[in-house]
């Protein structure tokens, strides 16, 4: 036999379950909108064709990139 206090608790649990399902559905819909769909991939192959990169160029780039952290 159910008491008077059990019925409101069951109703609250059902409402919480409904809210949880709606939150999951909302998350999925937001993720679908954020995901890149059909974006063209830009390939960089051949962009530096004919360019000569020396060791001093690499050292200079390292100093520039890592100057704040001291590598």
Foldseek 3Di string as FASTA:
>chain_A
DDDPVVVVVVVVVVVVVVVVVVVVVVVVVVVVVPDDDPDDDDDCPPVCPPPDADPVNVVVVCCVVCVVVPD
